Amino acid sequence: MSEAIANRYADALFQLANEQGKTEQLMKEFSVLEEVFQENQELDSFLKHPRVSNDKKKQFLDEVFKDFSTDVRNTLKILVERHRIEVIPSMIDHYTKLVNDAKGIVEATVYSVRKLSDAEREQIEKSFAKRLNKQTVKLENIVDPSVLGGVKVRVGNSIYDGTISNKLQRLERNIVFAN
């Protein structure tokens, strides 16, 4: 349920930013906001603390994020007021996805036995951009020794598995079911 709530806030902010031509500005602000929340666990505790009044929390947000747009600050204040601070990371993720979709960008994760070279990474990005009919694919490379060889690419809920370990598992299943 909290993801649905986060998505609604992100959708509203995206629509507002898109109308005002501020989608990139909000992306930068969200990037900073995400970093601040990840590095400062005390901030999360403070904003959720029942003994601190909402007015003090809002005043704090105004002071700390004074350089942020009014839309982002007001959204944070609403989240504090409604005791929904925990949706911030999901809201940021969904907003990022909306901006990327609008630009024709998709994020993917590639699993390989070793770190990919720039040329290999670029080749995979181009191949998947064409396959997914997107302008750009942003890859995050994760080294996974269980892959044995080849690569596995995850795009959203889809997995493209070209790993040796997967081929061996399929071969094993075929041999077992052949008997």
N, C-alpha and C. Protein backbone atom coordinates (compact mmCIF):
# COMPACT_ATOMS: atom_id res chain seq x y z
N MET A 1 0.82 -1.19 0.00
CA MET A 1 0.00 0.00 0.00
C MET A 1 0.87 1.26 0.00
N SER A 2 1.95 1.24 0.76
CA SER A 2 2.78 2.44 0.83
C SER A 2 3.43 2.73 -0.53
N GLU A 3 3.65 1.68 -1.35
CA GLU A 3 4.21 1.91 -2.69
C GLU A 3 3.19 2.64 -3.56
N ALA A 4 1.93 2.28 -3.43
CA ALA A 4 0.88 2.95 -4.20
C ALA A 4 0.80 4.42 -3.80
N ILE A 5 0.95 4.68 -2.52
CA ILE A 5 0.92 6.06 -2.02
C ILE A 5 2.13 6.82 -2.57
N ALA A 6 3.29 6.20 -2.51
CA ALA A 6 4.51 6.83 -3.03
C ALA A 6 4.35 7.14 -4.52
N ASN A 7 3.75 6.22 -5.26
CA ASN A 7 3.55 6.41 -6.69
C ASN A 7 2.63 7.60 -6.97
N ARG A 8 1.60 7.76 -6.14
CA ARG A 8 0.68 8.89 -6.34
C ARG A 8 1.39 10.23 -6.13
N TYR A 9 2.20 10.31 -5.09
CA TYR A 9 2.96 11.54 -4.86
C TYR A 9 3.94 11.79 -6.00
N ALA A 10 4.62 10.75 -6.44
CA ALA A 10 5.59 10.89 -7.54
C ALA A 10 4.88 11.31 -8.82
N ASP A 11 3.73 10.70 -9.10
CA ASP A 11 2.96 11.06 -10.31
C ASP A 11 2.57 12.53 -10.28
N ALA A 12 2.09 12.98 -9.13
CA ALA A 12 1.66 14.38 -9.00
C ALA A 12 2.84 15.32 -9.18
N LEU A 13 3.96 15.00 -8.55
CA LEU A 13 5.14 15.85 -8.68
C LEU A 13 5.67 15.86 -10.12
N PHE A 14 5.64 14.70 -10.76
CA PHE A 14 6.11 14.63 -12.14
C PHE A 14 5.23 15.49 -13.05
N GLN A 15 3.92 15.36 -12.88
CA GLN A 15 3.00 16.14 -13.70
C GLN A 15 3.22 17.63 -13.49
N LEU A 16 3.37 18.04 -12.25
CA LEU A 16 3.60 19.44 -11.91
C LEU A 16 4.93 19.93 -12.49
N ALA A 17 5.99 19.14 -12.30
CA ALA A 17 7.31 19.52 -12.80
C ALA A 17 7.33 19.56 -14.32
N ASN A 18 6.63 18.64 -14.95
CA ASN A 18 6.58 18.58 -16.40
C ASN A 18 5.89 19.82 -16.96
N GLU A 19 4.80 20.24 -16.32
CA GLU A 19 4.07 21.44 -16.75
C GLU A 19 4.93 22.69 -16.60
N GLN A 20 5.77 22.71 -15.56
CA GLN A 20 6.61 23.88 -15.29
C GLN A 20 7.98 23.78 -15.95
N GLY A 21 8.27 22.65 -16.59
CA GLY A 21 9.57 22.45 -17.22
C GLY A 21 10.69 22.28 -16.20
N LYS A 22 10.38 21.68 -15.06
CA LYS A 22 11.35 21.54 -13.98
C LYS A 22 11.67 20.08 -13.65
N THR A 23 11.47 19.16 -14.57
CA THR A 23 11.69 17.75 -14.25
C THR A 23 13.14 17.48 -13.87
N GLU A 24 14.07 18.10 -14.56
CA GLU A 24 15.49 17.89 -14.25
C GLU A 24 15.87 18.50 -12.91
N GLN A 25 15.32 19.65 -12.61
CA GLN A 25 15.60 20.30 -11.33
C GLN A 25 15.15 19.40 -10.18
N LEU A 26 13.94 18.85 -10.30
CA LEU A 26 13.44 17.97 -9.25
C LEU A 26 14.25 16.68 -9.17
N MET A 27 14.74 16.19 -10.31
CA MET A 27 15.61 15.00 -10.30
C MET A 27 16.85 15.26 -9.46
N LYS A 28 17.46 16.42 -9.65
CA LYS A 28 18.66 16.78 -8.89
C LYS A 28 18.33 16.90 -7.40
N GLU A 29 17.22 17.54 -7.10
CA GLU A 29 16.82 17.70 -5.70
C GLU A 29 16.54 16.35 -5.05
N PHE A 30 15.88 15.47 -5.79
CA PHE A 30 15.59 14.13 -5.26
C PHE A 30 16.86 13.33 -5.05
N SER A 31 17.82 13.52 -5.92
CA SER A 31 19.09 12.82 -5.77
C SER A 31 19.76 13.24 -4.46
N VAL A 32 19.76 14.54 -4.20
CA VAL A 32 20.34 15.06 -2.95
C VAL A 32 19.53 14.58 -1.75
N LEU A 33 18.21 14.64 -1.87
CA LEU A 33 17.32 14.21 -0.79
C LEU A 33 17.55 12.75 -0.44
N GLU A 34 17.67 11.91 -1.45
CA GLU A 34 17.91 10.49 -1.24
C GLU A 34 19.23 10.26 -0.50
N GLU A 35 20.24 10.99 -0.91
CA GLU A 35 21.55 10.87 -0.27
C GLU A 35 21.48 11.33 1.19
N VAL A 36 20.78 12.42 1.44
CA VAL A 36 20.65 12.94 2.80
C VAL A 36 19.96 11.91 3.70
N PHE A 37 18.89 11.31 3.22
CA PHE A 37 18.17 10.33 4.03
C PHE A 37 18.98 9.05 4.23
N GLN A 38 19.77 8.65 3.24
CA GLN A 38 20.59 7.45 3.38
C GLN A 38 21.72 7.65 4.37
N GLU A 39 22.30 8.83 4.37
CA GLU A 39 23.46 9.08 5.23
C GLU A 39 23.09 9.50 6.64
N ASN A 40 21.86 9.94 6.84
CA ASN A 40 21.45 10.45 8.16
C ASN A 40 20.23 9.71 8.68
N GLN A 41 20.47 8.61 9.36
CA GLN A 41 19.37 7.84 9.93
C GLN A 41 18.64 8.64 11.01
N GLU A 42 19.35 9.56 11.65
CA GLU A 42 18.75 10.38 12.70
C GLU A 42 17.63 11.26 12.13
N LEU A 43 17.78 11.68 10.89
CA LEU A 43 16.77 12.53 10.26
C LEU A 43 15.45 11.78 10.17
N ASP A 44 15.51 10.54 9.73
CA ASP A 44 14.32 9.70 9.65
C ASP A 44 13.68 9.53 11.03
N SER A 45 14.51 9.27 12.03
CA SER A 45 14.01 9.10 13.41
C SER A 45 13.36 10.38 13.92
N PHE A 46 14.01 11.51 13.64
CA PHE A 46 13.48 12.80 14.08
C PHE A 46 12.11 13.07 13.45
N LEU A 47 12.00 12.82 12.15
CA LEU A 47 10.75 13.12 11.45
C LEU A 47 9.62 12.17 11.84
N LYS A 48 9.96 11.02 12.38
CA LYS A 48 8.93 10.05 12.80
C LYS A 48 8.63 10.14 14.30
N HIS A 49 9.44 10.88 15.03
CA HIS A 49 9.31 10.93 16.49
C HIS A 49 7.98 11.54 16.90
N PRO A 50 7.22 10.83 17.74
CA PRO A 50 5.88 11.31 18.12
C PRO A 50 5.90 12.52 19.06
N ARG A 51 6.99 12.73 19.77
CA ARG A 51 7.01 13.84 20.74
C ARG A 51 7.44 15.16 20.11
N VAL A 52 7.92 15.11 18.87
CA VAL A 52 8.28 16.35 18.18
C VAL A 52 7.05 16.79 17.39
N SER A 53 6.65 18.02 17.58
CA SER A 53 5.43 18.51 16.92
C SER A 53 5.65 18.61 15.41
N ASN A 54 4.56 18.50 14.69
CA ASN A 54 4.62 18.62 13.23
C ASN A 54 5.12 19.99 12.80
N ASP A 55 4.76 21.02 13.58
CA ASP A 55 5.22 22.38 13.26
C ASP A 55 6.74 22.47 13.32
N LYS A 56 7.34 21.86 14.35
CA LYS A 56 8.81 21.87 14.47
C LYS A 56 9.45 21.08 13.33
N LYS A 57 8.84 19.98 12.97
CA LYS A 57 9.37 19.16 11.86
C LYS A 57 9.32 19.94 10.55
N LYS A 58 8.20 20.63 10.32
CA LYS A 58 8.05 21.41 9.08
C LYS A 58 9.05 22.58 9.05
N GLN A 59 9.22 23.22 10.19
CA GLN A 59 10.18 24.33 10.28
C GLN A 59 11.58 23.80 9.99
N PHE A 60 11.90 22.66 10.54
CA PHE A 60 13.19 22.02 10.31
C PHE A 60 13.40 21.75 8.82
N LEU A 61 12.38 21.18 8.18
CA LEU A 61 12.47 20.88 6.74
C LEU A 61 12.67 22.15 5.92
N ASP A 62 11.97 23.23 6.30
CA ASP A 62 12.14 24.51 5.59
C ASP A 62 13.57 25.02 5.71
N GLU A 63 14.16 24.87 6.90
CA GLU A 63 15.52 25.36 7.12
C GLU A 63 16.56 24.49 6.40
N VAL A 64 16.42 23.18 6.51
CA VAL A 64 17.41 22.27 5.94
C VAL A 64 17.35 22.26 4.42
N PHE A 65 16.15 22.29 3.87
CA PHE A 65 15.98 22.18 2.42
C PHE A 65 15.53 23.51 1.80
N LYS A 66 16.06 24.61 2.33
CA LYS A 66 15.64 25.94 1.86
C LYS A 66 15.98 26.18 0.39
N ASP A 67 17.00 25.50 -0.15
CA ASP A 67 17.37 25.69 -1.54
C ASP A 67 16.55 24.82 -2.50
N PHE A 68 15.71 23.97 -1.96
CA PHE A 68 14.88 23.10 -2.78
C PHE A 68 13.66 23.86 -3.28
N SER A 69 13.03 23.31 -4.30
CA SER A 69 11.82 23.94 -4.84
C SER A 69 10.69 23.84 -3.80
N THR A 70 9.76 24.75 -3.93
CA THR A 70 8.62 24.79 -3.02
C THR A 70 7.81 23.50 -3.12
N ASP A 71 7.72 22.95 -4.33
CA ASP A 71 6.94 21.72 -4.52
C ASP A 71 7.52 20.56 -3.70
N VAL A 72 8.83 20.41 -3.72
CA VAL A 72 9.47 19.32 -2.97
C VAL A 72 9.32 19.55 -1.47
N ARG A 73 9.57 20.76 -1.03
CA ARG A 73 9.43 21.07 0.41
C ARG A 73 8.00 20.84 0.88
N ASN A 74 7.03 21.30 0.09
CA ASN A 74 5.63 21.12 0.48
C ASN A 74 5.25 19.65 0.52
N THR A 75 5.77 18.87 -0.41
CA THR A 75 5.50 17.43 -0.42
C THR A 75 6.08 16.79 0.84
N LEU A 76 7.29 17.17 1.21
CA LEU A 76 7.90 16.64 2.43
C LEU A 76 7.06 17.00 3.65
N LYS A 77 6.56 18.22 3.69
CA LYS A 77 5.73 18.65 4.82
C LYS A 77 4.43 17.84 4.89
N ILE A 78 3.84 17.59 3.73
CA ILE A 78 2.61 16.79 3.70
C ILE A 78 2.89 15.37 4.20
N LEU A 79 4.02 14.82 3.77
CA LEU A 79 4.39 13.48 4.21
C LEU A 79 4.61 13.43 5.72
N VAL A 80 5.20 14.47 6.28
CA VAL A 80 5.40 14.54 7.73
C VAL A 80 4.04 14.62 8.42
N GLU A 81 3.19 15.49 7.91
CA GLU A 81 1.88 15.70 8.51
C GLU A 81 1.05 14.41 8.52
N ARG A 82 1.18 13.64 7.46
CA ARG A 82 0.38 12.42 7.32
C ARG A 82 1.12 11.17 7.80
N HIS A 83 2.26 11.37 8.44
CA HIS A 83 3.07 10.27 8.98
C HIS A 83 3.42 9.24 7.90
N ARG A 84 3.94 9.75 6.79
CA ARG A 84 4.26 8.89 5.65
C ARG A 84 5.71 9.09 5.18
N ILE A 85 6.60 9.43 6.06
CA ILE A 85 7.99 9.67 5.72
C ILE A 85 8.63 8.44 5.07
N GLU A 86 8.19 7.25 5.45
CA GLU A 86 8.80 6.02 4.93
C GLU A 86 8.60 5.84 3.43
N VAL A 87 7.70 6.60 2.80
CA VAL A 87 7.46 6.44 1.36
C VAL A 87 8.44 7.24 0.51
N ILE A 88 9.28 8.06 1.13
CA ILE A 88 10.18 8.92 0.36
C ILE A 88 11.07 8.14 -0.61
N PRO A 89 11.77 7.06 -0.19
CA PRO A 89 12.61 6.34 -1.16
C PRO A 89 11.82 5.78 -2.35
N SER A 90 10.65 5.23 -2.10
CA SER A 90 9.82 4.69 -3.19
C SER A 90 9.32 5.80 -4.09
N MET A 91 8.99 6.93 -3.51
CA MET A 91 8.52 8.08 -4.29
C MET A 91 9.63 8.56 -5.22
N ILE A 92 10.84 8.65 -4.70
CA ILE A 92 11.98 9.09 -5.52
C ILE A 92 12.25 8.09 -6.65
N ASP A 93 12.21 6.81 -6.34
CA ASP A 93 12.42 5.78 -7.37
C ASP A 93 11.37 5.88 -8.47
N HIS A 94 10.12 6.05 -8.09
CA HIS A 94 9.05 6.12 -9.09
C HIS A 94 9.18 7.40 -9.92
N TYR A 95 9.52 8.50 -9.29
CA TYR A 95 9.71 9.76 -10.02
C TYR A 95 10.83 9.60 -11.05
N THR A 96 11.93 8.98 -10.63
CA THR A 96 13.06 8.75 -11.54
C THR A 96 12.62 7.90 -12.72
N LYS A 97 11.82 6.87 -12.45
CA LYS A 97 11.32 6.01 -13.53
C LYS A 97 10.45 6.81 -14.50
N LEU A 98 9.61 7.67 -13.98
CA LEU A 98 8.75 8.49 -14.84
C LEU A 98 9.57 9.41 -15.74
N VAL A 99 10.58 10.04 -15.16
CA VAL A 99 11.44 10.93 -15.95
C VAL A 99 12.19 10.14 -17.01
N ASN A 100 12.72 8.99 -16.63
CA ASN A 100 13.45 8.15 -17.58
C ASN A 100 12.53 7.66 -18.71
N ASP A 101 11.31 7.26 -18.36
CA ASP A 101 10.35 6.82 -19.38
C ASP A 101 10.07 7.95 -20.37
N ALA A 102 9.91 9.15 -19.87
CA ALA A 102 9.63 10.30 -20.73
C ALA A 102 10.80 10.58 -21.67
N LYS A 103 12.01 10.27 -21.24
CA LYS A 103 13.20 10.51 -22.05
C LYS A 103 13.59 9.31 -22.91
N GLY A 104 12.90 8.20 -22.75
CA GLY A 104 13.25 7.00 -23.50
C GLY A 104 14.46 6.28 -22.92
N ILE A 105 14.63 6.39 -21.61
CA ILE A 105 15.75 5.76 -20.92
C ILE A 105 15.22 4.63 -20.05
N VAL A 106 15.92 3.50 -20.05
CA VAL A 106 15.55 2.40 -19.17
C VAL A 106 16.79 2.00 -18.37
N GLU A 107 16.58 1.67 -17.10
CA GLU A 107 17.68 1.23 -16.25
C GLU A 107 17.66 -0.29 -16.18
N ALA A 108 18.85 -0.87 -16.22
CA ALA A 108 18.97 -2.32 -16.20
C ALA A 108 20.17 -2.72 -15.34
N THR A 109 20.16 -3.97 -14.90
CA THR A 109 21.27 -4.52 -14.14
C THR A 109 21.83 -5.69 -14.92
N VAL A 110 23.15 -5.70 -15.08
CA VAL A 110 23.79 -6.81 -15.77
C VAL A 110 24.67 -7.55 -14.77
N TYR A 111 24.50 -8.87 -14.71
CA TYR A 111 25.27 -9.72 -13.81
C TYR A 111 26.32 -10.44 -14.66
N SER A 112 27.56 -10.35 -14.23
CA SER A 112 28.64 -11.01 -14.97
C SER A 112 29.66 -11.56 -13.98
N VAL A 113 30.50 -12.47 -14.46
CA VAL A 113 31.48 -13.11 -13.60
C VAL A 113 32.62 -12.14 -13.23
N ARG A 114 32.81 -11.11 -14.06
CA ARG A 114 33.82 -10.09 -13.80
C ARG A 114 33.27 -8.74 -14.21
N LYS A 115 33.96 -7.69 -13.82
CA LYS A 115 33.54 -6.34 -14.19
C LYS A 115 33.66 -6.20 -15.71
N LEU A 116 32.61 -5.69 -16.33
CA LEU A 116 32.61 -5.52 -17.77
C LEU A 116 33.48 -4.35 -18.19
N SER A 117 34.14 -4.48 -19.34
CA SER A 117 34.90 -3.36 -19.88
C SER A 117 33.92 -2.34 -20.44
N ASP A 118 34.42 -1.14 -20.69
CA ASP A 118 33.54 -0.10 -21.24
C ASP A 118 32.97 -0.51 -22.59
N ALA A 119 33.77 -1.16 -23.42
CA ALA A 119 33.32 -1.59 -24.74
C ALA A 119 32.21 -2.65 -24.61
N GLU A 120 32.38 -3.61 -23.70
CA GLU A 120 31.36 -4.64 -23.49
C GLU A 120 30.06 -4.03 -22.97
N ARG A 121 30.22 -3.13 -22.04
CA ARG A 121 29.06 -2.45 -21.45
C ARG A 121 28.30 -1.67 -22.52
N GLU A 122 29.05 -0.94 -23.34
CA GLU A 122 28.44 -0.14 -24.41
C GLU A 122 27.72 -1.03 -25.42
N GLN A 123 28.31 -2.16 -25.75
CA GLN A 123 27.70 -3.09 -26.70
C GLN A 123 26.38 -3.64 -26.15
N ILE A 124 26.36 -4.00 -24.88
CA ILE A 124 25.14 -4.51 -24.25
C ILE A 124 24.07 -3.41 -24.19
N GLU A 125 24.50 -2.18 -23.84
CA GLU A 125 23.55 -1.07 -23.78
C GLU A 125 22.91 -0.82 -25.14
N LYS A 126 23.71 -0.81 -26.20
CA LYS A 126 23.17 -0.58 -27.55
C LYS A 126 22.23 -1.71 -27.96
N SER A 127 22.63 -2.94 -27.69
CA SER A 127 21.83 -4.11 -28.05
C SER A 127 20.46 -4.08 -27.36
N PHE A 128 20.46 -3.78 -26.07
CA PHE A 128 19.20 -3.77 -25.34
C PHE A 128 18.37 -2.52 -25.64
N ALA A 129 19.00 -1.42 -25.97
CA ALA A 129 18.25 -0.23 -26.37
C ALA A 129 17.45 -0.53 -27.64
N LYS A 130 18.07 -1.22 -28.57
CA LYS A 130 17.40 -1.60 -29.81
C LYS A 130 16.30 -2.62 -29.52
N ARG A 131 16.60 -3.62 -28.71
CA ARG A 131 15.65 -4.69 -28.38
C ARG A 131 14.42 -4.15 -27.65
N LEU A 132 14.63 -3.19 -26.75
CA LEU A 132 13.54 -2.65 -25.94
C LEU A 132 12.89 -1.41 -26.56
N ASN A 133 13.42 -1.00 -27.71
CA ASN A 133 12.92 0.18 -28.42
C ASN A 133 13.00 1.44 -27.54
N LYS A 134 14.16 1.60 -26.91
CA LYS A 134 14.42 2.78 -26.07
C LYS A 134 15.62 3.52 -26.66
N GLN A 135 15.77 4.78 -26.29
CA GLN A 135 16.90 5.54 -26.79
C GLN A 135 18.19 5.17 -26.06
N THR A 136 18.07 4.95 -24.77
CA THR A 136 19.26 4.68 -23.96
C THR A 136 18.95 3.62 -22.91
N VAL A 137 19.95 2.80 -22.62
CA VAL A 137 19.87 1.85 -21.52
C VAL A 137 21.01 2.18 -20.57
N LYS A 138 20.69 2.41 -19.31
CA LYS A 138 21.72 2.66 -18.29
C LYS A 138 21.94 1.35 -17.55
N LEU A 139 23.16 0.85 -17.62
CA LEU A 139 23.47 -0.44 -17.00
C LEU A 139 24.21 -0.27 -15.69
N GLU A 140 23.83 -1.07 -14.73
CA GLU A 140 24.59 -1.22 -13.50
C GLU A 140 25.19 -2.62 -13.56
N ASN A 141 26.50 -2.72 -13.42
CA ASN A 141 27.18 -4.00 -13.51
C ASN A 141 27.41 -4.57 -12.12
N ILE A 142 26.91 -5.80 -11.89
CA ILE A 142 27.11 -6.49 -10.62
C ILE A 142 27.91 -7.75 -10.91
N VAL A 143 29.03 -7.90 -10.19
CA VAL A 143 29.87 -9.08 -10.35
C VAL A 143 29.28 -10.21 -9.53
N ASP A 144 28.99 -11.34 -10.20
CA ASP A 144 28.37 -12.50 -9.56
C ASP A 144 29.11 -13.75 -10.00
N PRO A 145 29.96 -14.32 -9.15
CA PRO A 145 30.76 -15.50 -9.53
C PRO A 145 29.91 -16.72 -9.90
N SER A 146 28.66 -16.79 -9.44
CA SER A 146 27.83 -17.94 -9.76
C SER A 146 27.41 -17.97 -11.23
N VAL A 147 27.64 -16.88 -11.94
CA VAL A 147 27.28 -16.79 -13.35
C VAL A 147 28.13 -17.75 -14.20
N LEU A 148 29.35 -18.00 -13.82
CA LEU A 148 30.33 -18.85 -14.50
C LEU A 148 30.84 -18.23 -15.81
N GLY A 149 29.98 -17.70 -16.61
CA GLY A 149 30.34 -17.08 -17.88
C GLY A 149 29.09 -16.52 -18.51
N GLY A 150 29.23 -15.65 -19.50
CA GLY A 150 28.07 -15.01 -20.12
C GLY A 150 27.54 -13.91 -19.22
N VAL A 151 26.35 -13.43 -19.51
CA VAL A 151 25.74 -12.37 -18.71
C VAL A 151 24.25 -12.63 -18.52
N LYS A 152 23.73 -12.04 -17.46
CA LYS A 152 22.29 -12.04 -17.19
C LYS A 152 21.91 -10.58 -17.04
N VAL A 153 20.87 -10.16 -17.77
CA VAL A 153 20.43 -8.76 -17.73
C VAL A 153 19.02 -8.71 -17.18
N ARG A 154 18.83 -7.84 -16.19
CA ARG A 154 17.50 -7.67 -15.60
C ARG A 154 17.02 -6.26 -15.94
N VAL A 155 15.87 -6.19 -16.60
CA VAL A 155 15.23 -4.92 -16.95
C VAL A 155 13.84 -4.97 -16.35
N GLY A 156 13.63 -4.23 -15.28
CA GLY A 156 12.34 -4.26 -14.60
C GLY A 156 12.08 -5.66 -14.08
N ASN A 157 10.98 -6.28 -14.52
CA ASN A 157 10.64 -7.63 -14.09
C ASN A 157 11.10 -8.70 -15.08
N SER A 158 11.74 -8.29 -16.16
CA SER A 158 12.20 -9.23 -17.18
C SER A 158 13.67 -9.57 -16.99
N ILE A 159 13.99 -10.85 -17.17
CA ILE A 159 15.37 -11.31 -17.06
C ILE A 159 15.77 -11.98 -18.36
N TYR A 160 16.89 -11.53 -18.92
CA TYR A 160 17.45 -12.11 -20.12
C TYR A 160 18.71 -12.86 -19.68
N ASP A 161 18.61 -14.19 -19.65
CA ASP A 161 19.68 -14.99 -19.05
C ASP A 161 20.47 -15.73 -20.12
N GLY A 162 21.69 -15.25 -20.37
CA GLY A 162 22.59 -15.91 -21.32
C GLY A 162 23.82 -16.44 -20.61
N THR A 163 23.63 -16.88 -19.36
CA THR A 163 24.77 -17.34 -18.57
C THR A 163 25.03 -18.83 -18.81
N ILE A 164 26.26 -19.21 -18.60
CA ILE A 164 26.63 -20.63 -18.73
C ILE A 164 25.92 -21.45 -17.67
N SER A 165 25.80 -20.92 -16.46
CA SER A 165 25.13 -21.66 -15.38
C SER A 165 23.67 -21.95 -15.77
N ASN A 166 22.99 -21.02 -16.42
CA ASN A 166 21.62 -21.24 -16.85
C ASN A 166 21.56 -22.30 -17.95
N LYS A 167 22.50 -22.25 -18.88
CA LYS A 167 22.54 -23.25 -19.95
C LYS A 167 22.80 -24.64 -19.39
N LEU A 168 23.66 -24.72 -18.38
CA LEU A 168 23.92 -26.02 -17.75
C LEU A 168 22.68 -26.55 -17.03
N GLN A 169 21.95 -25.66 -16.37
CA GLN A 169 20.72 -26.07 -15.68
C GLN A 169 19.67 -26.58 -16.67
N ARG A 170 19.54 -25.90 -17.81
CA ARG A 170 18.59 -26.35 -18.84
C ARG A 170 19.01 -27.71 -19.40
N LEU A 171 20.31 -27.88 -19.63
CA LEU A 171 20.82 -29.15 -20.13
C LEU A 171 20.53 -30.27 -19.14
N GLU A 172 20.75 -29.99 -17.85
CA GLU A 172 20.48 -30.97 -16.80
C GLU A 172 19.01 -31.35 -16.78
N ARG A 173 18.12 -30.37 -16.86
CA ARG A 173 16.67 -30.65 -16.89
C ARG A 173 16.29 -31.49 -18.10
N ASN A 174 16.87 -31.18 -19.24
CA ASN A 174 16.57 -31.94 -20.46
C ASN A 174 17.01 -33.39 -20.31
N ILE A 175 18.17 -33.62 -19.69
CA ILE A 175 18.67 -34.98 -19.50
C ILE A 175 17.78 -35.74 -18.52
N VAL A 176 17.37 -35.09 -17.44
CA VAL A 176 16.53 -35.73 -16.42
C VAL A 176 15.17 -36.09 -17.00
N PHE A 177 14.58 -35.18 -17.79
CA PHE A 177 13.26 -35.44 -18.34
C PHE A 177 13.30 -36.37 -19.54
N ALA A 178 14.47 -36.58 -20.13
CA ALA A 178 14.60 -37.47 -21.28
C ALA A 178 14.52 -38.93 -20.85
N ASN A 179 14.86 -39.21 -19.58
CA ASN A 179 14.84 -40.60 -19.10
C ASN A 179 13.47 -41.08 -18.82
